[in-house]
Protein backbone atom coordinates (compact mmCIF):
# COMPACT_ATOMS: atom_id res chain seq x y z
CA MET A 1 111.40 -35.28 -198.38
CA ALA A 2 114.60 -36.24 -196.92
CA GLN A 3 114.50 -33.48 -194.71
CA VAL A 4 111.25 -34.04 -193.27
CA ARG A 5 112.22 -37.15 -192.66
CA ALA A 6 115.46 -36.41 -191.10
CA ILE A 7 113.49 -34.18 -188.99
CA PHE A 8 111.22 -36.63 -187.99
CA TRP A 9 113.68 -39.19 -186.71
CA PHE A 10 115.88 -36.76 -184.71
CA ARG A 11 112.75 -35.67 -183.13
CA TRP A 12 112.14 -38.71 -181.73
CA VAL A 13 115.86 -39.12 -180.65
CA PHE A 14 115.64 -36.18 -178.47
CA VAL A 15 112.25 -37.60 -177.09
CA GLY A 16 114.06 -40.80 -176.52
CA ILE A 17 117.08 -39.69 -175.09
CA GLY A 18 114.96 -36.91 -172.65
CA LEU A 19 112.47 -39.40 -171.60
CA LEU A 20 115.42 -42.06 -170.60
CA VAL A 21 117.39 -39.15 -168.80
CA ALA A 22 114.53 -37.80 -167.38
CA ALA A 23 113.10 -41.31 -165.99
CA GLY A 24 116.21 -42.64 -165.07
CA THR A 25 117.95 -40.06 -162.78
CA GLY A 26 114.35 -38.86 -161.42
CA ALA A 27 113.99 -42.08 -160.21
CA TRP A 28 117.15 -42.47 -158.70
CA TYR A 29 116.70 -39.20 -156.97
CA LEU A 30 113.17 -40.24 -156.06
CA ALA A 31 114.53 -43.63 -154.69
CA GLU A 32 117.49 -42.12 -152.48
CA SER A 33 115.12 -39.42 -151.18
CA ARG A 34 113.22 -42.06 -149.79
CA ALA A 35 115.84 -44.20 -148.53
CA ALA A 36 116.89 -40.81 -146.75
CA GLY A 37 113.67 -40.05 -145.05
CA ALA A 38 112.90 -43.44 -144.09
CA ALA A 39 116.22 -43.33 -142.16
CA ALA A 40 115.28 -40.24 -140.54
CA ALA A 41 113.59 -41.95 -138.44
CA TRP A 42 115.87 -44.90 -137.65
CA PRO A 43 116.94 -45.33 -134.11
CA GLN A 44 120.15 -43.28 -132.64
CA VAL A 45 123.03 -45.11 -130.50
CA SER A 46 126.22 -43.61 -129.36
CA GLY A 47 129.05 -45.11 -131.13
CA THR A 48 133.23 -44.32 -131.25
CA VAL A 49 135.28 -43.99 -134.07
CA VAL A 50 137.52 -46.30 -133.96
CA GLU A 51 139.65 -45.81 -137.05
CA THR A 52 139.99 -43.39 -140.16
CA ARG A 53 141.28 -43.34 -143.42
CA VAL A 54 141.42 -41.67 -147.15
CA ASP A 55 140.76 -44.38 -149.61
CA GLN A 56 142.17 -43.66 -152.90
CA ARG A 57 140.48 -45.22 -155.95
CA ARG A 58 142.22 -45.24 -159.64
CA SER A 59 139.79 -44.16 -162.58
CA ARG A 60 141.38 -44.11 -165.70
CA HIS A 61 139.82 -41.58 -168.11
CA ARG A 62 140.84 -41.28 -171.72
CA ASN A 63 142.46 -38.05 -173.10
CA THR A 64 140.86 -37.49 -176.47
CA ALA A 65 143.72 -35.38 -177.49
CA SER A 66 146.71 -37.52 -177.42
CA SER A 67 144.51 -40.83 -176.92
CA ALA A 68 146.95 -41.92 -174.08
CA SER A 69 145.35 -42.90 -171.10
CA ALA A 70 145.70 -40.94 -167.88
CA ARG A 71 145.49 -42.36 -164.02
CA ARG A 72 143.20 -39.63 -161.89
CA TYR A 73 142.57 -40.66 -158.34
CA ARG A 74 139.28 -40.14 -156.34
CA TYR A 75 139.75 -39.89 -152.57
CA THR A 76 137.08 -41.12 -150.27
CA PRO A 77 136.91 -40.55 -145.99
CA VAL A 78 136.57 -43.86 -144.41
CA ILE A 79 135.00 -43.91 -140.74
CA ILE A 80 135.18 -47.29 -138.91
CA TYR A 81 132.97 -47.11 -136.22
CA ASP A 82 131.45 -49.80 -133.43
CA TYR A 83 128.47 -49.52 -131.59
CA ARG A 84 125.86 -51.64 -129.50
CA VAL A 85 122.24 -52.34 -130.12
CA GLU A 86 120.39 -53.77 -127.45
CA GLY A 87 123.67 -55.49 -125.98
CA GLN A 88 125.03 -56.40 -129.44
CA SER A 89 128.42 -55.15 -130.56
CA TYR A 90 128.47 -53.55 -134.00
CA ARG A 91 131.09 -51.97 -136.27
CA GLY A 92 130.31 -49.70 -139.32
CA GLU A 93 132.13 -48.08 -141.96
CA ARG A 94 129.06 -46.55 -143.85
CA VAL A 95 129.33 -42.59 -143.34
CA TRP A 96 126.65 -41.13 -145.46
CA LEU A 97 123.49 -43.45 -146.45
CA THR A 98 123.12 -42.63 -149.89
CA ASP A 99 126.79 -41.79 -151.35
CA ASP A 100 129.72 -41.96 -150.55
CA ARG A 101 131.34 -38.73 -151.25
CA GLU A 102 134.73 -38.73 -152.82
CA TRP A 103 136.98 -35.88 -154.07
CA PRO A 104 139.40 -35.05 -156.44
CA ASP A 105 142.11 -34.09 -154.11
CA SER A 106 142.88 -35.86 -150.34
CA ARG A 107 142.94 -32.46 -148.51
CA PRO A 108 139.03 -32.12 -148.34
CA ALA A 109 139.08 -35.92 -147.59
CA ARG A 110 141.54 -35.18 -144.93
CA ALA A 111 139.56 -32.31 -143.81
CA PHE A 112 136.11 -33.97 -143.19
CA LEU A 113 138.31 -36.67 -141.07
CA ALA A 114 139.58 -33.85 -139.00
CA ASP A 115 136.26 -33.72 -137.20
CA TYR A 116 136.30 -37.65 -136.11
CA PRO A 117 139.29 -38.52 -134.67
CA PRO A 118 140.00 -42.02 -133.11
CA GLY A 119 138.13 -42.05 -129.71
CA ARG A 120 135.46 -39.68 -130.31
CA GLU A 121 131.92 -40.06 -130.04
CA VAL A 122 129.82 -40.46 -132.82
CA THR A 123 126.00 -40.50 -133.17
CA VAL A 124 125.02 -43.12 -135.51
CA ARG A 125 121.66 -44.25 -136.79
CA TYR A 126 120.54 -47.80 -137.64
CA ASP A 127 118.20 -49.84 -139.59
CA PRO A 128 116.02 -50.86 -136.58
CA GLU A 129 115.12 -54.45 -138.45
CA GLU A 130 118.75 -54.42 -139.32
CA PRO A 131 120.98 -53.06 -136.92
CA GLY A 132 124.24 -54.07 -138.67
CA GLU A 133 123.19 -51.21 -141.19
CA ALA A 134 123.99 -48.18 -140.22
CA ALA A 135 125.69 -44.71 -141.11
CA LEU A 136 126.57 -41.72 -139.24
CA ILE A 137 125.40 -38.93 -141.58
CA VAL A 138 121.60 -39.48 -143.57
CA ASP A 139 121.31 -36.76 -146.00
CA GLY A 140 119.52 -37.01 -149.03
CA PRO A 141 121.11 -36.52 -152.56
CA PRO A 142 122.35 -33.16 -153.50
CA VAL A 143 119.70 -31.00 -154.61
CA TRP A 144 121.70 -30.12 -157.58
CA MET A 145 121.07 -33.15 -158.52
CA LEU A 146 117.81 -32.57 -160.30
CA LEU A 147 119.22 -30.89 -163.00
CA PHE A 148 119.78 -33.95 -164.68
CA PRO A 149 115.64 -34.96 -165.01
CA VAL A 150 115.18 -31.40 -165.80
CA LEU A 151 117.61 -31.26 -168.84
CA GLY A 152 116.21 -35.02 -169.93
CA LEU A 153 112.49 -32.95 -169.64
CA LEU A 154 114.27 -29.96 -171.91
CA PHE A 155 115.65 -32.28 -174.28
CA VAL A 156 111.76 -33.98 -174.47
CA VAL A 157 110.42 -30.80 -174.97
CA ALA A 158 112.80 -29.57 -177.70
CA GLY A 159 112.55 -32.61 -179.39
CA LEU A 160 108.55 -32.26 -179.72
CA LEU A 161 109.33 -28.29 -180.29
CA LEU A 162 111.85 -29.59 -183.36
CA PRO A 163 109.31 -29.54 -186.11
CA ARG A 164 107.79 -26.45 -186.15
CA PHE A 165 110.87 -24.56 -185.62
CA ALA A 166 112.38 -26.62 -188.97
CA ARG A 167 109.33 -25.34 -191.15
CA ARG A 168 109.71 -22.16 -190.72
CA PRO A 169 111.07 -20.33 -193.23
CA THR A 170 114.77 -18.26 -193.33
């Protein structure tokens, strides 16, 4: 009887976690995709790169083997650009519309910036309702991020099928 009760609760824990992961990551992916879709219709203007740099951000990760904190860094390319909309000047710093890219090594970030030297002309997409909101690259979230809602749904299915497998004689 205790085993049946444990399987019952374990089943709903699996289903609950699966639903949370699938709904949360699925909603995030949908929102990012919609934002990118709307921004694809934003007007474009020419802009000029003013400055580039790589920002280094420290993140702390716990090393479980030794319980010591290890410091790791993430590197994000930053492009500052000027553009004009209807005679008004703006300065933007947003490279990607949906999400900033960052790398665990500075080399990829520097390689990315090689295509954006100061003085280079760039295409800027801006929000016509708020021209100060702009981005250089308008793309949706990466397709591999759909893996998380799928994994959440697999947890739901596993949770629902768990009692069938638990009752089978060995």
